[in-house]
């Protein structure tokens, strides 16, 4: 495993580019120093993202010159090239982009490994590094993914479901009289108004979906497994779920850090190009 003392002080910048949000963080060794969440905007240019990140760094009193490596995971293909160009222009670093050619350290049991979202692989890598196996990793975001990790860290496959926000938006868009509602658990399941009735159906229905899928995975796997959840709605769902054991909000960022360690030889780093 890579020793962080090799180049002296090493600050890694990691990006998880999702359909709704970009989560980013800086690591020194295994310590997460700072983290941010910004909206994903497919129309933004690399320069616009560069200036935004520069402002975030300045507010936290971090110098962009301190970053020595960058890793990007994206499920939004149109943003990969602008973000790579941004890294090269503003950080003078060619980032490692998570894809089929990088070394994950795990065996992927999937008909077409190239079809798996980068975020799922990153989550599996991060979860196994932190918790061991066997595991079910649930990422509750724009879509909800259930990834199954064997005792030896192999990725065995999983399930994909619509996200809670997407389900709520569909209910609002395709029904004439139902309003858009805040996604919070209502005080009771037998609601006496439309807002709470929608919240009850969406939130408790979604919890039921998650718990049912987890139980079916455990039955098919044939044994007990730790269940770790991440993503924007994870904390709320755990409060109602009977099957989630732990929440890890920075699971994806940790996975990106681990992939950096396993792919040092692919990193293009030229310190002489850094601005003084």
C-alpha atoms as a PDB file:
ATOM      1  CA  UNK A   1       0.000   0.000   0.000  1.00  0.00           C
ATOM      2  CA  UNK A   2       1.188   3.525  -0.791  1.00  0.00           C
ATOM      3  CA  UNK A   3       3.012   5.275   2.037  1.00  0.00           C
ATOM      4  CA  UNK A   4       2.004   8.917   2.306  1.00  0.00           C
ATOM      5  CA  UNK A   5       5.519   9.926   3.362  1.00  0.00           C
ATOM      6  CA  UNK A   6       6.837   9.125  -0.125  1.00  0.00           C
ATOM      7  CA  UNK A   7       6.278  12.664  -1.394  1.00  0.00           C
ATOM      8  CA  UNK A   8       6.163  14.288   2.006  1.00  0.00           C
ATOM      9  CA  UNK A   9       2.928  16.101   2.766  1.00  0.00           C
ATOM     10  CA  UNK A  10       0.268  14.811   0.357  1.00  0.00           C
ATOM     11  CA  UNK A  11      -3.168  16.353  -0.057  1.00  0.00           C
ATOM     12  CA  UNK A  12      -5.608  14.417  -2.222  1.00  0.00           C
ATOM     13  CA  UNK A  13      -8.679  16.069  -3.717  1.00  0.00           C
ATOM     14  CA  UNK A  14     -11.522  13.678  -4.544  1.00  0.00           C
ATOM     15  CA  UNK A  15     -14.682  14.323  -6.582  1.00  0.00           C
ATOM     16  CA  UNK A  16     -17.841  12.214  -6.607  1.00  0.00           C
ATOM     17  CA  UNK A  17     -19.930  13.611  -9.480  1.00  0.00           C
ATOM     18  CA  UNK A  18     -23.532  12.456  -9.094  1.00  0.00           C
ATOM     19  CA  UNK A  19     -26.674  13.263 -11.017  1.00  0.00           C
ATOM     20  CA  UNK A  20     -27.885  15.784  -8.414  1.00  0.00           C
ATOM     21  CA  UNK A  21     -24.780  16.774  -6.457  1.00  0.00           C
ATOM     22  CA  UNK A  22     -21.009  16.836  -6.633  1.00  0.00           C
ATOM     23  CA  UNK A  23     -19.446  15.819  -3.329  1.00  0.00           C
ATOM     24  CA  UNK A  24     -15.803  16.692  -2.932  1.00  0.00           C
ATOM     25  CA  UNK A  25     -13.260  16.434  -0.167  1.00  0.00           C
ATOM     26  CA  UNK A  26      -9.586  16.792   0.675  1.00  0.00           C
ATOM     27  CA  UNK A  27      -7.585  14.080   2.403  1.00  0.00           C
ATOM     28  CA  UNK A  28      -4.227  14.146   4.120  1.00  0.00           C
ATOM     29  CA  UNK A  29      -3.341  10.526   4.617  1.00  0.00           C
ATOM     30  CA  UNK A  30      -6.537   8.816   5.748  1.00  0.00           C
ATOM     31  CA  UNK A  31      -7.871  11.954   7.407  1.00  0.00           C
ATOM     32  CA  UNK A  32     -10.704  13.801   5.692  1.00  0.00           C
ATOM     33  CA  UNK A  33      -9.781  17.442   6.159  1.00  0.00           C
ATOM     34  CA  UNK A  34     -12.630  19.300   4.438  1.00  0.00           C
ATOM     35  CA  UNK A  35     -15.674  18.358   2.416  1.00  0.00           C
ATOM     36  CA  UNK A  36     -18.240  20.187   0.286  1.00  0.00           C
ATOM     37  CA  UNK A  37     -21.459  19.449  -1.596  1.00  0.00           C
ATOM     38  CA  UNK A  38     -22.417  21.507  -4.645  1.00  0.00           C
ATOM     39  CA  UNK A  39     -25.189  21.120  -7.229  1.00  0.00           C
ATOM     40  CA  UNK A  40     -24.375  19.208 -10.394  1.00  0.00           C
ATOM     41  CA  UNK A  41     -24.743  21.545 -13.362  1.00  0.00           C
ATOM     42  CA  UNK A  42     -24.129  19.977 -16.766  1.00  0.00           C
ATOM     43  CA  UNK A  43     -24.002  23.434 -18.357  1.00  0.00           C
ATOM     44  CA  UNK A  44     -21.090  24.718 -16.275  1.00  0.00           C
ATOM     45  CA  UNK A  45     -17.702  24.944 -17.956  1.00  0.00           C
ATOM     46  CA  UNK A  46     -14.424  23.787 -16.450  1.00  0.00           C
ATOM     47  CA  UNK A  47     -13.512  27.423 -15.771  1.00  0.00           C
ATOM     48  CA  UNK A  48     -16.760  27.996 -13.881  1.00  0.00           C
ATOM     49  CA  UNK A  49     -16.136  24.944 -11.713  1.00  0.00           C
ATOM     50  CA  UNK A  50     -12.532  26.049 -11.249  1.00  0.00           C
ATOM     51  CA  UNK A  51     -13.548  29.465  -9.942  1.00  0.00           C
ATOM     52  CA  UNK A  52     -16.202  27.948  -7.681  1.00  0.00           C
ATOM     53  CA  UNK A  53     -13.714  25.493  -6.178  1.00  0.00           C
ATOM     54  CA  UNK A  54     -11.167  28.293  -5.788  1.00  0.00           C
ATOM     55  CA  UNK A  55     -13.721  30.252  -3.738  1.00  0.00           C
ATOM     56  CA  UNK A  56     -14.503  27.200  -1.569  1.00  0.00           C
ATOM     57  CA  UNK A  57     -10.803  26.647  -0.924  1.00  0.00           C
ATOM     58  CA  UNK A  58     -10.194  30.301  -0.068  1.00  0.00           C
ATOM     59  CA  UNK A  59     -13.088  30.305   2.398  1.00  0.00           C
ATOM     60  CA  UNK A  60     -11.540  27.293   4.161  1.00  0.00           C
ATOM     61  CA  UNK A  61      -8.062  28.844   3.913  1.00  0.00           C
ATOM     62  CA  UNK A  62      -6.729  26.037   1.731  1.00  0.00           C
ATOM     63  CA  UNK A  63      -4.298  26.718  -1.097  1.00  0.00           C
ATOM     64  CA  UNK A  64      -4.943  24.995  -4.413  1.00  0.00           C
ATOM     65  CA  UNK A  65      -1.151  24.588  -4.629  1.00  0.00           C
ATOM     66  CA  UNK A  66      -1.286  22.163  -1.676  1.00  0.00           C
ATOM     67  CA  UNK A  67      -3.217  19.575  -3.702  1.00  0.00           C
ATOM     68  CA  UNK A  68      -0.845  16.913  -5.027  1.00  0.00           C
ATOM     69  CA  UNK A  69      -3.280  14.399  -6.543  1.00  0.00           C
ATOM     70  CA  UNK A  70      -6.903  14.347  -7.734  1.00  0.00           C
ATOM     71  CA  UNK A  71      -9.346  11.465  -8.230  1.00  0.00           C
ATOM     72  CA  UNK A  72     -12.692  11.771 -10.034  1.00  0.00           C
ATOM     73  CA  UNK A  73     -15.670   9.424 -10.084  1.00  0.00           C
ATOM     74  CA  UNK A  74     -18.587  10.435 -12.300  1.00  0.00           C
ATOM     75  CA  UNK A  75     -21.952   9.070 -13.384  1.00  0.00           C
ATOM     76  CA  UNK A  76     -22.459  12.175 -15.550  1.00  0.00           C
ATOM     77  CA  UNK A  77     -20.347  11.583 -18.692  1.00  0.00           C
ATOM     78  CA  UNK A  78     -20.671  15.148 -20.118  1.00  0.00           C
ATOM     79  CA  UNK A  79     -18.912  16.561 -17.049  1.00  0.00           C
ATOM     80  CA  UNK A  80     -15.826  14.339 -17.144  1.00  0.00           C
ATOM     81  CA  UNK A  81     -13.907  16.259 -19.818  1.00  0.00           C
ATOM     82  CA  UNK A  82     -14.644  19.743 -18.350  1.00  0.00           C
ATOM     83  CA  UNK A  83     -13.605  18.559 -14.883  1.00  0.00           C
ATOM     84  CA  UNK A  84     -10.385  16.991 -16.176  1.00  0.00           C
ATOM     85  CA  UNK A  85      -9.524  20.207 -18.011  1.00  0.00           C
ATOM     86  CA  UNK A  86     -10.340  22.197 -14.882  1.00  0.00           C
ATOM     87  CA  UNK A  87      -7.924  20.058 -12.836  1.00  0.00           C
ATOM     88  CA  UNK A  88      -5.181  20.497 -15.402  1.00  0.00           C
ATOM     89  CA  UNK A  89      -5.672  24.252 -15.687  1.00  0.00           C
ATOM     90  CA  UNK A  90      -6.264  25.225 -12.052  1.00  0.00           C
ATOM     91  CA  UNK A  91      -4.315  22.528 -10.179  1.00  0.00           C
ATOM     92  CA  UNK A  92      -1.754  21.580 -12.871  1.00  0.00           C
ATOM     93  CA  UNK A  93      -2.602  17.936 -12.203  1.00  0.00           C
ATOM     94  CA  UNK A  94      -3.977  15.299 -14.543  1.00  0.00           C
ATOM     95  CA  UNK A  95      -6.572  13.520 -12.394  1.00  0.00           C
ATOM     96  CA  UNK A  96      -7.198   9.820 -12.072  1.00  0.00           C
ATOM     97  CA  UNK A  97     -10.672   9.140 -13.486  1.00  0.00           C
ATOM     98  CA  UNK A  98     -12.376   6.016 -12.138  1.00  0.00           C
ATOM     99  CA  UNK A  99     -13.067   3.678 -15.056  1.00  0.00           C
ATOM    100  CA  UNK A 100     -12.683   0.112 -16.296  1.00  0.00           C
ATOM    101  CA  UNK A 101      -8.894   0.336 -16.606  1.00  0.00           C
ATOM    102  CA  UNK A 102      -8.015   1.242 -13.042  1.00  0.00           C
ATOM    103  CA  UNK A 103      -6.986  -1.290 -10.413  1.00  0.00           C
ATOM    104  CA  UNK A 104      -9.776  -1.770  -7.888  1.00  0.00           C
ATOM    105  CA  UNK A 105      -8.266  -4.593  -5.859  1.00  0.00           C
ATOM    106  CA  UNK A 106     -11.529  -6.546  -6.075  1.00  0.00           C
ATOM    107  CA  UNK A 107     -13.021  -9.096  -8.474  1.00  0.00           C
ATOM    108  CA  UNK A 108     -16.204  -7.894 -10.172  1.00  0.00           C
ATOM    109  CA  UNK A 109     -18.792 -10.598 -10.868  1.00  0.00           C
ATOM    110  CA  UNK A 110     -20.931  -8.889 -13.486  1.00  0.00           C
ATOM    111  CA  UNK A 111     -21.872  -9.753 -17.057  1.00  0.00           C
ATOM    112  CA  UNK A 112     -20.420  -6.474 -18.328  1.00  0.00           C
ATOM    113  CA  UNK A 113     -18.183  -4.803 -15.727  1.00  0.00           C
ATOM    114  CA  UNK A 114     -17.920  -1.699 -17.942  1.00  0.00           C
ATOM    115  CA  UNK A 115     -21.662  -1.114 -17.498  1.00  0.00           C
ATOM    116  CA  UNK A 116     -21.395  -0.626 -13.725  1.00  0.00           C
ATOM    117  CA  UNK A 117     -21.600   2.951 -12.493  1.00  0.00           C
ATOM    118  CA  UNK A 118     -18.292   4.221 -11.169  1.00  0.00           C
ATOM    119  CA  UNK A 119     -19.952   5.267  -7.916  1.00  0.00           C
ATOM    120  CA  UNK A 120     -20.962   1.666  -7.180  1.00  0.00           C
ATOM    121  CA  UNK A 121     -17.412   0.377  -7.520  1.00  0.00           C
ATOM    122  CA  UNK A 122     -16.080   3.222  -5.394  1.00  0.00           C
ATOM    123  CA  UNK A 123     -18.660   2.493  -2.685  1.00  0.00           C
ATOM    124  CA  UNK A 124     -17.794  -1.204  -2.635  1.00  0.00           C
ATOM    125  CA  UNK A 125     -14.067  -0.483  -2.376  1.00  0.00           C
ATOM    126  CA  UNK A 126     -14.566   2.055   0.414  1.00  0.00           C
ATOM    127  CA  UNK A 127     -17.023  -0.096   2.348  1.00  0.00           C
ATOM    128  CA  UNK A 128     -14.886  -3.221   2.266  1.00  0.00           C
ATOM    129  CA  UNK A 129     -11.804  -1.258   3.345  1.00  0.00           C
ATOM    130  CA  UNK A 130     -13.712   0.141   6.334  1.00  0.00           C
ATOM    131  CA  UNK A 131     -16.035  -2.697   7.364  1.00  0.00           C
ATOM    132  CA  UNK A 132     -14.817  -5.911   5.756  1.00  0.00           C
ATOM    133  CA  UNK A 133     -17.348  -8.383   4.360  1.00  0.00           C
ATOM    134  CA  UNK A 134     -19.878  -9.685   3.688  1.00  0.00           C
ATOM    135  CA  UNK A 135     -21.753  -6.432   3.183  1.00  0.00           C
ATOM    136  CA  UNK A 136     -24.740  -4.803   1.562  1.00  0.00           C
ATOM    137  CA  UNK A 137     -23.925  -1.235   0.542  1.00  0.00           C
ATOM    138  CA  UNK A 138     -26.959   0.979  -0.102  1.00  0.00           C
ATOM    139  CA  UNK A 139     -26.471   4.339  -1.806  1.00  0.00           C
ATOM    140  CA  UNK A 140     -29.676   6.354  -1.371  1.00  0.00           C
ATOM    141  CA  UNK A 141     -29.466   9.138  -3.920  1.00  0.00           C
ATOM    142  CA  UNK A 142     -31.055  10.085  -7.246  1.00  0.00           C
ATOM    143  CA  UNK A 143     -31.183   6.343  -7.813  1.00  0.00           C
ATOM    144  CA  UNK A 144     -30.860   3.806  -5.028  1.00  0.00           C
ATOM    145  CA  UNK A 145     -28.318   1.045  -5.501  1.00  0.00           C
ATOM    146  CA  UNK A 146     -27.866  -2.126  -3.455  1.00  0.00           C
ATOM    147  CA  UNK A 147     -24.382  -3.610  -3.863  1.00  0.00           C
ATOM    148  CA  UNK A 148     -23.426  -6.992  -2.442  1.00  0.00           C
ATOM    149  CA  UNK A 149     -19.867  -7.544  -1.216  1.00  0.00           C
ATOM    150  CA  UNK A 150     -18.531 -11.024  -0.458  1.00  0.00           C
ATOM    151  CA  UNK A 151     -16.439 -11.886   2.578  1.00  0.00           C
ATOM    152  CA  UNK A 152     -13.264 -11.596   0.464  1.00  0.00           C
ATOM    153  CA  UNK A 153     -14.282  -8.216  -0.995  1.00  0.00           C
ATOM    154  CA  UNK A 154     -15.599  -9.451  -4.365  1.00  0.00           C
ATOM    155  CA  UNK A 155     -18.456  -7.471  -5.885  1.00  0.00           C
ATOM    156  CA  UNK A 156     -21.280  -9.957  -6.450  1.00  0.00           C
ATOM    157  CA  UNK A 157     -23.838  -7.674  -8.094  1.00  0.00           C
ATOM    158  CA  UNK A 158     -26.956  -6.058  -6.693  1.00  0.00           C
ATOM    159  CA  UNK A 159     -30.125  -4.142  -7.444  1.00  0.00           C
ATOM    160  CA  UNK A 160     -31.085  -0.668  -8.683  1.00  0.00           C
ATOM    161  CA  UNK A 161     -34.280   1.196  -7.766  1.00  0.00           C
ATOM    162  CA  UNK A 162     -35.620   4.700  -8.463  1.00  0.00           C
ATOM    163  CA  UNK A 163     -34.559   7.221  -5.856  1.00  0.00           C
ATOM    164  CA  UNK A 164     -37.050   8.623  -3.376  1.00  0.00           C
ATOM    165  CA  UNK A 165     -36.793  12.091  -4.893  1.00  0.00           C
ATOM    166  CA  UNK A 166     -37.404  10.737  -8.397  1.00  0.00           C
ATOM    167  CA  UNK A 167     -40.456   8.811  -7.181  1.00  0.00           C
ATOM    168  CA  UNK A 168     -41.869  11.916  -5.492  1.00  0.00           C
ATOM    169  CA  UNK A 169     -41.249  14.015  -8.603  1.00  0.00           C
ATOM    170  CA  UNK A 170     -43.078  11.449 -10.750  1.00  0.00           C
ATOM    171  CA  UNK A 171     -46.075  11.590  -8.403  1.00  0.00           C
ATOM    172  CA  UNK A 172     -46.135  15.379  -8.666  1.00  0.00           C
ATOM    173  CA  UNK A 173     -45.629  15.516 -12.437  1.00  0.00           C
ATOM    174  CA  UNK A 174     -48.135  12.863 -13.466  1.00  0.00           C
ATOM    175  CA  UNK A 175     -51.029  13.695 -11.159  1.00  0.00           C
ATOM    176  CA  UNK A 176     -53.044  16.860 -11.684  1.00  0.00           C
ATOM    177  CA  UNK A 177     -53.914  17.768  -8.102  1.00  0.00           C
ATOM    178  CA  UNK A 178     -51.054  16.444  -5.985  1.00  0.00           C
ATOM    179  CA  UNK A 179     -48.491  19.053  -4.884  1.00  0.00           C
ATOM    180  CA  UNK A 180     -44.736  18.750  -4.527  1.00  0.00           C
ATOM    181  CA  UNK A 181     -43.992  17.894  -0.884  1.00  0.00           C
ATOM    182  CA  UNK A 182     -41.022  17.948   1.463  1.00  0.00           C
ATOM    183  CA  UNK A 183     -39.617  14.462   1.918  1.00  0.00           C
ATOM    184  CA  UNK A 184     -39.827  13.995   5.687  1.00  0.00           C
ATOM    185  CA  UNK A 185     -41.556  11.277   7.739  1.00  0.00           C
ATOM    186  CA  UNK A 186     -45.056  12.369   8.775  1.00  0.00           C
ATOM    187  CA  UNK A 187     -46.192  11.935  12.394  1.00  0.00           C
ATOM    188  CA  UNK A 188     -48.379   8.937  11.526  1.00  0.00           C
ATOM    189  CA  UNK A 189     -49.166   6.569   8.676  1.00  0.00           C
ATOM    190  CA  UNK A 190     -52.937   7.218   8.762  1.00  0.00           C
ATOM    191  CA  UNK A 191     -52.791  10.779   7.460  1.00  0.00           C
ATOM    192  CA  UNK A 192     -55.702  13.209   7.495  1.00  0.00           C
ATOM    193  CA  UNK A 193     -54.416  15.635   4.859  1.00  0.00           C
ATOM    194  CA  UNK A 194     -52.956  15.322   1.381  1.00  0.00           C
ATOM    195  CA  UNK A 195     -49.445  16.533   2.233  1.00  0.00           C
ATOM    196  CA  UNK A 196     -48.938  14.071   5.080  1.00  0.00           C
ATOM    197  CA  UNK A 197     -50.663  11.360   3.084  1.00  0.00           C
ATOM    198  CA  UNK A 198     -48.121  11.769   0.295  1.00  0.00           C
ATOM    199  CA  UNK A 199     -45.260  11.876   2.788  1.00  0.00           C
ATOM    200  CA  UNK A 200     -46.530   8.682   4.417  1.00  0.00           C
ATOM    201  CA  UNK A 201     -46.810   6.847   1.128  1.00  0.00           C
ATOM    202  CA  UNK A 202     -43.487   8.040  -0.245  1.00  0.00           C
ATOM    203  CA  UNK A 203     -41.291   7.789   2.856  1.00  0.00           C
ATOM    204  CA  UNK A 204     -42.733   4.665   4.501  1.00  0.00           C
ATOM    205  CA  UNK A 205     -43.206   3.006   1.136  1.00  0.00           C
ATOM    206  CA  UNK A 206     -39.571   3.681   0.320  1.00  0.00           C
ATOM    207  CA  UNK A 207     -38.422   2.305   3.676  1.00  0.00           C
ATOM    208  CA  UNK A 208     -40.463  -0.813   2.996  1.00  0.00           C
ATOM    209  CA  UNK A 209     -38.842  -1.185  -0.418  1.00  0.00           C
ATOM    210  CA  UNK A 210     -35.358  -0.960   1.071  1.00  0.00           C
ATOM    211  CA  UNK A 211     -36.073  -3.392   3.893  1.00  0.00           C
ATOM    212  CA  UNK A 212     -37.695  -5.898   1.521  1.00  0.00           C
ATOM    213  CA  UNK A 213     -34.780  -5.819  -0.926  1.00  0.00           C
ATOM    214  CA  UNK A 214     -32.249  -6.192   1.894  1.00  0.00           C
ATOM    215  CA  UNK A 215     -34.091  -9.203   3.320  1.00  0.00           C
ATOM    216  CA  UNK A 216     -34.311 -10.841  -0.101  1.00  0.00           C
ATOM    217  CA  UNK A 217     -30.577 -10.263  -0.697  1.00  0.00           C
ATOM    218  CA  UNK A 218     -29.717 -11.849   2.662  1.00  0.00           C
ATOM    219  CA  UNK A 219     -31.954 -14.827   1.916  1.00  0.00           C
ATOM    220  CA  UNK A 220     -30.383 -15.357  -1.511  1.00  0.00           C
ATOM    221  CA  UNK A 221     -26.875 -14.846  -0.137  1.00  0.00           C
ATOM    222  CA  UNK A 222     -27.576 -17.388   2.583  1.00  0.00           C
ATOM    223  CA  UNK A 223     -26.280 -15.619   5.649  1.00  0.00           C
ATOM    224  CA  UNK A 224     -26.145 -12.480   7.749  1.00  0.00           C
ATOM    225  CA  UNK A 225     -24.465  -9.385   6.314  1.00  0.00           C
ATOM    226  CA  UNK A 226     -23.692  -5.947   7.633  1.00  0.00           C
ATOM    227  CA  UNK A 227     -25.805  -3.249   5.935  1.00  0.00           C
ATOM    228  CA  UNK A 228     -24.172   0.152   5.400  1.00  0.00           C
ATOM    229  CA  UNK A 229     -26.030   3.079   3.847  1.00  0.00           C
ATOM    230  CA  UNK A 230     -24.791   6.311   2.336  1.00  0.00           C
ATOM    231  CA  UNK A 231     -26.334   9.119   0.306  1.00  0.00           C
ATOM    232  CA  UNK A 232     -28.462  12.184   0.916  1.00  0.00           C
ATOM    233  CA  UNK A 233     -31.527  10.433   2.372  1.00  0.00           C
ATOM    234  CA  UNK A 234     -29.630   7.781   4.334  1.00  0.00           C
ATOM    235  CA  UNK A 235     -30.043   9.289   7.807  1.00  0.00           C
ATOM    236  CA  UNK A 236     -33.786   9.786   7.430  1.00  0.00           C
ATOM    237  CA  UNK A 237     -34.317   6.267   6.085  1.00  0.00           C
ATOM    238  CA  UNK A 238     -32.246   4.677   8.848  1.00  0.00           C
ATOM    239  CA  UNK A 239     -34.536   6.272  11.430  1.00  0.00           C
ATOM    240  CA  UNK A 240     -37.421   4.226  10.020  1.00  0.00           C
ATOM    241  CA  UNK A 241     -35.644   1.135   8.658  1.00  0.00           C
ATOM    242  CA  UNK A 242     -35.312  -2.221  10.399  1.00  0.00           C
ATOM    243  CA  UNK A 243     -32.397  -3.452   8.286  1.00  0.00           C
ATOM    244  CA  UNK A 244     -29.766  -0.673   8.032  1.00  0.00           C
ATOM    245  CA  UNK A 245     -26.947  -1.138  10.545  1.00  0.00           C
ATOM    246  CA  UNK A 246     -24.819   1.920   9.925  1.00  0.00           C
ATOM    247  CA  UNK A 247     -24.680   5.250   8.081  1.00  0.00           C
ATOM    248  CA  UNK A 248     -21.464   6.425   6.438  1.00  0.00           C
ATOM    249  CA  UNK A 249     -21.906   9.788   4.721  1.00  0.00           C
ATOM    250  CA  UNK A 250     -18.334   9.846   3.410  1.00  0.00           C
ATOM    251  CA  UNK A 251     -18.177   6.292   2.123  1.00  0.00           C
ATOM    252  CA  UNK A 252     -17.716   7.318  -1.520  1.00  0.00           C
ATOM    253  CA  UNK A 253     -15.006   9.834  -0.699  1.00  0.00           C
ATOM    254  CA  UNK A 254     -13.162   7.178   1.319  1.00  0.00           C
ATOM    255  CA  UNK A 255     -13.425   4.766  -1.602  1.00  0.00           C
ATOM    256  CA  UNK A 256     -11.856   7.335  -3.908  1.00  0.00           C
ATOM    257  CA  UNK A 257      -8.987   7.736  -1.467  1.00  0.00           C
ATOM    258  CA  UNK A 258      -8.419   3.968  -1.438  1.00  0.00           C
ATOM    259  CA  UNK A 259      -8.466   3.816  -5.250  1.00  0.00           C
ATOM    260  CA  UNK A 260      -5.842   6.561  -5.306  1.00  0.00           C
ATOM    261  CA  UNK A 261      -3.593   4.402  -3.143  1.00  0.00           C
ATOM    262  CA  UNK A 262      -4.052   1.433  -5.491  1.00  0.00           C
ATOM    263  CA  UNK A 263      -3.372   3.391  -8.675  1.00  0.00           C
ATOM    264  CA  UNK A 264      -0.390   5.560  -7.832  1.00  0.00           C
ATOM    265  CA  UNK A 265       1.434   4.308 -10.918  1.00  0.00           C
ATOM    266  CA  UNK A 266      -1.277   5.783 -13.174  1.00  0.00           C
ATOM    267  CA  UNK A 267      -1.082   9.269 -11.712  1.00  0.00           C
ATOM    268  CA  UNK A 268       0.549  11.931 -13.852  1.00  0.00           C
ATOM    269  CA  UNK A 269       2.191  14.271 -11.408  1.00  0.00           C
ATOM    270  CA  UNK A 270       4.742  16.890 -12.289  1.00  0.00           C
ATOM    271  CA  UNK A 271       5.478  19.132  -9.303  1.00  0.00           C
ATOM    272  CA  UNK A 272       7.530  21.486 -11.459  1.00  0.00           C
ATOM    273  CA  UNK A 273       4.328  22.562 -13.209  1.00  0.00           C
ATOM    274  CA  UNK A 274       2.756  23.755  -9.987  1.00  0.00           C
ATOM    275  CA  UNK A 275       2.513  27.506  -9.602  1.00  0.00           C
ATOM    276  CA  UNK A 276       4.857  29.077  -7.131  1.00  0.00           C
END
